[in-house]
Amino acid sequence: MGLRPGWCYRKPKRPAYTRIANKKMKKAFIRGVPGIRIPLFDMGNKSKRQWKYEIDLISKDEMQLRHNQLEAARQTINKELVNIYSKQGFFMRLRTYPHHVMRENPIATGAGADRFQRGMKKSFGKPIGRAARVKPGSIIFSIWVDNIDKIDIIKAAMRRAAQKMSGQYTIKIDKYDGTL
């Protein structure tokens, strides 16, 4: 079976028994947590340089963003920025981290399903991925650049990335104050 649709996990629910223990595995509620599929959180020129402008992608809704949604949005923005500025002309950071472990209790359907299915008996579920819990007003992506003469292309890349994620977003452009 393929990946379940994003709307199955979009609404934030209270995390129940999502404890992950690294040192003492007997204390962990969830064993075998899948890894995060986001290889990079910082892209571009990572030197401690003074940038002039900061562009943020800000969430309007409270939701959960799966790690594959965040990775697809990151690749979309990064590809566009490398085409415009090369790797040395910008700095981008993914500011949310997928901590929440999503679980699934698969229900079998079809002929013969009643012979091996347990229904809701001991329905803790298997871990299938991770999600970032996002509140309204939280920053998802931040981009720092020196000149904003190509701001329309950056905004278009941010809008394209927002289409890869669930929810509604706004783009904010500010003068950079010096803190990352």
C-alpha atoms as a PDB file:
ATOM      1  CA  MET A   1       0.000   0.000   0.000  1.00  0.00           C
ATOM      2  CA  GLY A   2       1.191   3.507  -0.785  1.00  0.00           C
ATOM      3  CA  LEU A   3       1.425   6.547   1.437  1.00  0.00           C
ATOM      4  CA  ARG A   4      -1.848   7.715   2.953  1.00  0.00           C
ATOM      5  CA  PRO A   5      -3.080  11.143   1.844  1.00  0.00           C
ATOM      6  CA  GLY A   6      -1.956  14.216   3.749  1.00  0.00           C
ATOM      7  CA  TRP A   7      -5.480  15.136   4.895  1.00  0.00           C
ATOM      8  CA  CYS A   8      -5.481  12.049   7.136  1.00  0.00           C
ATOM      9  CA  TYR A   9      -2.883  13.687   9.397  1.00  0.00           C
ATOM     10  CA  ARG A  10      -3.441  17.408   8.761  1.00  0.00           C
ATOM     11  CA  LYS A  11      -5.419  18.236  11.904  1.00  0.00           C
ATOM     12  CA  PRO A  12      -3.322  18.303  15.077  1.00  0.00           C
ATOM     13  CA  LYS A  13      -4.411  15.749  17.626  1.00  0.00           C
ATOM     14  CA  ARG A  14      -3.157  15.299  21.135  1.00  0.00           C
ATOM     15  CA  PRO A  15       0.008  13.181  21.016  1.00  0.00           C
ATOM     16  CA  ALA A  16      -0.591  10.002  22.963  1.00  0.00           C
ATOM     17  CA  TYR A  17       2.344   7.815  23.924  1.00  0.00           C
ATOM     18  CA  THR A  18       4.828   9.206  21.439  1.00  0.00           C
ATOM     19  CA  ARG A  19       7.807   8.873  23.718  1.00  0.00           C
ATOM     20  CA  ILE A  20      11.066   7.953  22.006  1.00  0.00           C
ATOM     21  CA  ALA A  21      13.914   6.808  24.236  1.00  0.00           C
ATOM     22  CA  ASN A  22      17.448   6.731  22.847  1.00  0.00           C
ATOM     23  CA  LYS A  23      19.439   5.320  25.746  1.00  0.00           C
ATOM     24  CA  LYS A  24      17.013   2.891  27.421  1.00  0.00           C
ATOM     25  CA  MET A  25      14.830   1.322  24.762  1.00  0.00           C
ATOM     26  CA  LYS A  26      12.625  -0.386  27.350  1.00  0.00           C
ATOM     27  CA  LYS A  27      11.340   3.035  28.395  1.00  0.00           C
ATOM     28  CA  ALA A  28      10.220   3.925  24.876  1.00  0.00           C
ATOM     29  CA  PHE A  29       6.576   3.626  23.982  1.00  0.00           C
ATOM     30  CA  ILE A  30       7.305   3.669  20.267  1.00  0.00           C
ATOM     31  CA  ARG A  31      10.061   1.489  18.897  1.00  0.00           C
ATOM     32  CA  GLY A  32      11.367   1.654  15.373  1.00  0.00           C
ATOM     33  CA  VAL A  33      10.524   5.282  14.641  1.00  0.00           C
ATOM     34  CA  PRO A  34      11.056   6.124  10.974  1.00  0.00           C
ATOM     35  CA  GLY A  35      13.815   8.571  10.180  1.00  0.00           C
ATOM     36  CA  ILE A  36      13.308  12.109   8.963  1.00  0.00           C
ATOM     37  CA  ARG A  37      13.535  12.455   5.201  1.00  0.00           C
ATOM     38  CA  ILE A  38      14.857  16.020   5.298  1.00  0.00           C
ATOM     39  CA  PRO A  39      18.620  15.898   4.671  1.00  0.00           C
ATOM     40  CA  LEU A  40      19.337  19.650   5.019  1.00  0.00           C
ATOM     41  CA  PHE A  41      17.792  22.355   7.162  1.00  0.00           C
ATOM     42  CA  ASP A  42      20.269  25.109   6.139  1.00  0.00           C
ATOM     43  CA  MET A  43      20.995  25.825   2.464  1.00  0.00           C
ATOM     44  CA  GLY A  44      23.018  28.363   0.536  1.00  0.00           C
ATOM     45  CA  ASN A  45      25.810  30.492   1.972  1.00  0.00           C
ATOM     46  CA  LYS A  46      26.140  29.421   5.615  1.00  0.00           C
ATOM     47  CA  SER A  47      28.841  31.927   6.558  1.00  0.00           C
ATOM     48  CA  LYS A  48      28.073  34.454   9.286  1.00  0.00           C
ATOM     49  CA  ARG A  49      27.506  37.216   6.768  1.00  0.00           C
ATOM     50  CA  GLN A  50      25.325  40.274   7.294  1.00  0.00           C
ATOM     51  CA  TRP A  51      22.305  39.979   5.010  1.00  0.00           C
ATOM     52  CA  LYS A  52      20.086  42.945   4.174  1.00  0.00           C
ATOM     53  CA  TYR A  53      16.637  41.394   3.715  1.00  0.00           C
ATOM     54  CA  GLU A  54      14.696  38.534   5.268  1.00  0.00           C
ATOM     55  CA  ILE A  55      11.754  36.808   3.533  1.00  0.00           C
ATOM     56  CA  ASP A  56       9.572  34.494   5.652  1.00  0.00           C
ATOM     57  CA  LEU A  57       6.872  31.957   4.801  1.00  0.00           C
ATOM     58  CA  ILE A  58       4.427  32.160   7.724  1.00  0.00           C
ATOM     59  CA  SER A  59       1.579  29.782   8.538  1.00  0.00           C
ATOM     60  CA  LYS A  60      -1.969  31.082   8.985  1.00  0.00           C
ATOM     61  CA  ASP A  61      -3.444  27.817  10.304  1.00  0.00           C
ATOM     62  CA  GLU A  62      -2.812  25.315  13.070  1.00  0.00           C
ATOM     63  CA  MET A  63      -1.904  21.988  11.472  1.00  0.00           C
ATOM     64  CA  GLN A  64       0.583  19.184  11.100  1.00  0.00           C
ATOM     65  CA  LEU A  65       3.021  19.142   8.193  1.00  0.00           C
ATOM     66  CA  ARG A  66       4.431  15.769   7.218  1.00  0.00           C
ATOM     67  CA  HIS A  67       8.162  15.520   6.660  1.00  0.00           C
ATOM     68  CA  ASN A  68       7.707  14.633   2.984  1.00  0.00           C
ATOM     69  CA  GLN A  69       5.677  17.839   2.472  1.00  0.00           C
ATOM     70  CA  LEU A  70       8.433  19.909   4.053  1.00  0.00           C
ATOM     71  CA  GLU A  71      11.074  18.204   1.917  1.00  0.00           C
ATOM     72  CA  ALA A  72       9.129  18.815  -1.306  1.00  0.00           C
ATOM     73  CA  ALA A  73       8.696  22.506  -0.433  1.00  0.00           C
ATOM     74  CA  ARG A  74      12.384  22.829   0.509  1.00  0.00           C
ATOM     75  CA  GLN A  75      13.513  21.377  -2.817  1.00  0.00           C
ATOM     76  CA  THR A  76      11.177  23.682  -4.746  1.00  0.00           C
ATOM     77  CA  ILE A  77      12.473  26.859  -3.098  1.00  0.00           C
ATOM     78  CA  ASN A  78      16.121  25.778  -3.157  1.00  0.00           C
ATOM     79  CA  LYS A  79      16.063  24.956  -6.871  1.00  0.00           C
ATOM     80  CA  GLU A  80      14.644  28.366  -7.754  1.00  0.00           C
ATOM     81  CA  LEU A  81      17.063  30.278  -5.499  1.00  0.00           C
ATOM     82  CA  VAL A  82      20.123  28.461  -6.857  1.00  0.00           C
ATOM     83  CA  ASN A  83      19.025  29.415 -10.394  1.00  0.00           C
ATOM     84  CA  ILE A  84      18.723  33.096  -9.397  1.00  0.00           C
ATOM     85  CA  TYR A  85      21.558  33.710  -6.911  1.00  0.00           C
ATOM     86  CA  SER A  86      23.845  30.630  -7.179  1.00  0.00           C
ATOM     87  CA  LYS A  87      24.748  28.927  -3.894  1.00  0.00           C
ATOM     88  CA  GLN A  88      26.631  31.900  -2.470  1.00  0.00           C
ATOM     89  CA  GLY A  89      24.013  34.637  -2.906  1.00  0.00           C
ATOM     90  CA  PHE A  90      21.412  33.543  -0.343  1.00  0.00           C
ATOM     91  CA  PHE A  91      20.856  31.661   2.895  1.00  0.00           C
ATOM     92  CA  MET A  92      17.716  29.610   3.540  1.00  0.00           C
ATOM     93  CA  ARG A  93      16.640  27.815   6.688  1.00  0.00           C
ATOM     94  CA  LEU A  94      13.793  25.380   7.326  1.00  0.00           C
ATOM     95  CA  ARG A  95      12.609  26.464  10.770  1.00  0.00           C
ATOM     96  CA  THR A  96      10.208  23.681  11.745  1.00  0.00           C
ATOM     97  CA  TYR A  97      11.296  20.230  12.836  1.00  0.00           C
ATOM     98  CA  PRO A  98       9.089  17.133  12.520  1.00  0.00           C
ATOM     99  CA  HIS A  99       9.004  15.713  16.067  1.00  0.00           C
ATOM    100  CA  HIS A 100       5.527  14.209  16.194  1.00  0.00           C
ATOM    101  CA  VAL A 101       5.331  10.489  15.316  1.00  0.00           C
ATOM    102  CA  MET A 102       2.327   9.569  13.181  1.00  0.00           C
ATOM    103  CA  ARG A 103       0.766   6.139  13.627  1.00  0.00           C
ATOM    104  CA  GLU A 104      -1.569   4.038  11.552  1.00  0.00           C
ATOM    105  CA  ASN A 105      -3.889   1.192  12.482  1.00  0.00           C
ATOM    106  CA  PRO A 106      -4.467  -0.392   9.069  1.00  0.00           C
ATOM    107  CA  ILE A 107      -7.904  -1.909   8.570  1.00  0.00           C
ATOM    108  CA  ALA A 108      -8.050  -4.755   6.066  1.00  0.00           C
ATOM    109  CA  THR A 109     -10.914  -4.887   3.596  1.00  0.00           C
ATOM    110  CA  GLY A 110     -11.971  -7.439   1.055  1.00  0.00           C
ATOM    111  CA  ALA A 111     -12.511 -11.174   1.075  1.00  0.00           C
ATOM    112  CA  GLY A 112     -11.011 -13.054   4.001  1.00  0.00           C
ATOM    113  CA  ALA A 113     -10.253  -9.915   6.026  1.00  0.00           C
ATOM    114  CA  ASP A 114     -12.269 -11.110   9.010  1.00  0.00           C
ATOM    115  CA  ARG A 115      -9.927 -14.054   9.601  1.00  0.00           C
ATOM    116  CA  PHE A 116      -6.812 -12.029  10.502  1.00  0.00           C
ATOM    117  CA  GLN A 117      -8.082  -8.610  11.500  1.00  0.00           C
ATOM    118  CA  ARG A 118      -8.421  -7.551  15.131  1.00  0.00           C
ATOM    119  CA  GLY A 119     -10.317  -4.278  14.575  1.00  0.00           C
ATOM    120  CA  MET A 120      -9.784  -1.815  17.419  1.00  0.00           C
ATOM    121  CA  LYS A 121      -8.444  -4.358  19.900  1.00  0.00           C
ATOM    122  CA  LYS A 122      -4.977  -3.122  20.977  1.00  0.00           C
ATOM    123  CA  SER A 123      -5.094  -0.485  18.264  1.00  0.00           C
ATOM    124  CA  PHE A 124      -1.942   1.454  19.093  1.00  0.00           C
ATOM    125  CA  GLY A 125      -0.834   1.516  15.443  1.00  0.00           C
ATOM    126  CA  LYS A 126       2.495   1.275  13.676  1.00  0.00           C
ATOM    127  CA  PRO A 127       4.665   4.377  13.272  1.00  0.00           C
ATOM    128  CA  ILE A 128       4.538   5.466   9.627  1.00  0.00           C
ATOM    129  CA  GLY A 129       6.258   8.853   9.619  1.00  0.00           C
ATOM    130  CA  ARG A 130       6.821  12.149  11.368  1.00  0.00           C
ATOM    131  CA  ALA A 131       5.068  15.491  11.323  1.00  0.00           C
ATOM    132  CA  ALA A 132       5.854  19.025  12.432  1.00  0.00           C
ATOM    133  CA  ARG A 133       3.196  20.648  14.589  1.00  0.00           C
ATOM    134  CA  VAL A 134       2.638  24.192  13.341  1.00  0.00           C
ATOM    135  CA  LYS A 135       0.722  26.997  15.072  1.00  0.00           C
ATOM    136  CA  PRO A 136      -0.686  30.134  13.431  1.00  0.00           C
ATOM    137  CA  GLY A 137       2.034  32.734  12.949  1.00  0.00           C
ATOM    138  CA  SER A 138       4.934  30.310  13.050  1.00  0.00           C
ATOM    139  CA  ILE A 139       7.673  30.663  10.447  1.00  0.00           C
ATOM    140  CA  ILE A 140       8.188  27.659   8.179  1.00  0.00           C
ATOM    141  CA  PHE A 141      10.969  28.913   5.862  1.00  0.00           C
ATOM    142  CA  SER A 142      13.263  31.932   6.102  1.00  0.00           C
ATOM    143  CA  ILE A 143      15.398  33.285   3.275  1.00  0.00           C
ATOM    144  CA  TRP A 144      18.097  35.935   3.655  1.00  0.00           C
ATOM    145  CA  VAL A 145      19.383  37.874   0.625  1.00  0.00           C
ATOM    146  CA  ASP A 146      21.335  41.058  -0.113  1.00  0.00           C
ATOM    147  CA  ASN A 147      19.236  42.539  -2.895  1.00  0.00           C
ATOM    148  CA  ILE A 148      15.545  42.137  -3.560  1.00  0.00           C
ATOM    149  CA  ASP A 149      15.501  43.197  -7.198  1.00  0.00           C
ATOM    150  CA  LYS A 150      14.224  39.692  -8.055  1.00  0.00           C
ATOM    151  CA  ILE A 151      11.647  39.577  -5.255  1.00  0.00           C
ATOM    152  CA  ASP A 152       8.843  38.532  -7.627  1.00  0.00           C
ATOM    153  CA  ILE A 153      10.688  35.299  -8.466  1.00  0.00           C
ATOM    154  CA  ILE A 154      11.328  34.581  -4.774  1.00  0.00           C
ATOM    155  CA  LYS A 155       7.654  35.166  -3.941  1.00  0.00           C
ATOM    156  CA  ALA A 156       6.593  32.875  -6.793  1.00  0.00           C
ATOM    157  CA  ALA A 157       8.927  30.147  -5.479  1.00  0.00           C
ATOM    158  CA  MET A 158       7.464  30.562  -1.973  1.00  0.00           C
ATOM    159  CA  ARG A 159       3.914  30.323  -3.356  1.00  0.00           C
ATOM    160  CA  ARG A 160       4.834  27.199  -5.306  1.00  0.00           C
ATOM    161  CA  ALA A 161       6.302  25.670  -2.138  1.00  0.00           C
ATOM    162  CA  ALA A 162       3.156  26.576  -0.173  1.00  0.00           C
ATOM    163  CA  GLN A 163       1.118  24.585  -2.689  1.00  0.00           C
ATOM    164  CA  LYS A 164       3.141  21.482  -1.795  1.00  0.00           C
ATOM    165  CA  MET A 165       2.048  21.789   1.849  1.00  0.00           C
ATOM    166  CA  SER A 166      -1.412  21.800   3.371  1.00  0.00           C
ATOM    167  CA  GLY A 167      -2.830  24.987   4.875  1.00  0.00           C
ATOM    168  CA  GLN A 168      -2.633  28.681   4.061  1.00  0.00           C
ATOM    169  CA  TYR A 169       0.474  30.844   4.221  1.00  0.00           C
ATOM    170  CA  THR A 170       1.578  34.439   3.962  1.00  0.00           C
ATOM    171  CA  ILE A 171       4.905  35.884   2.805  1.00  0.00           C
ATOM    172  CA  LYS A 172       6.570  38.631   4.853  1.00  0.00           C
ATOM    173  CA  ILE A 173       9.545  40.746   3.720  1.00  0.00           C
ATOM    174  CA  ASP A 174      11.576  42.684   6.307  1.00  0.00           C
ATOM    175  CA  LYS A 175      14.862  44.450   6.668  1.00  0.00           C
ATOM    176  CA  TYR A 176      17.235  42.029   8.372  1.00  0.00           C
ATOM    177  CA  ASP A 177      18.101  43.004  11.963  1.00  0.00           C
ATOM    178  CA  GLY A 178      21.155  40.767  12.375  1.00  0.00           C
ATOM    179  CA  THR A 179      19.878  37.766  14.318  1.00  0.00           C
ATOM    180  CA  LEU A 180      19.461  34.319  12.769  1.00  0.00           C
END
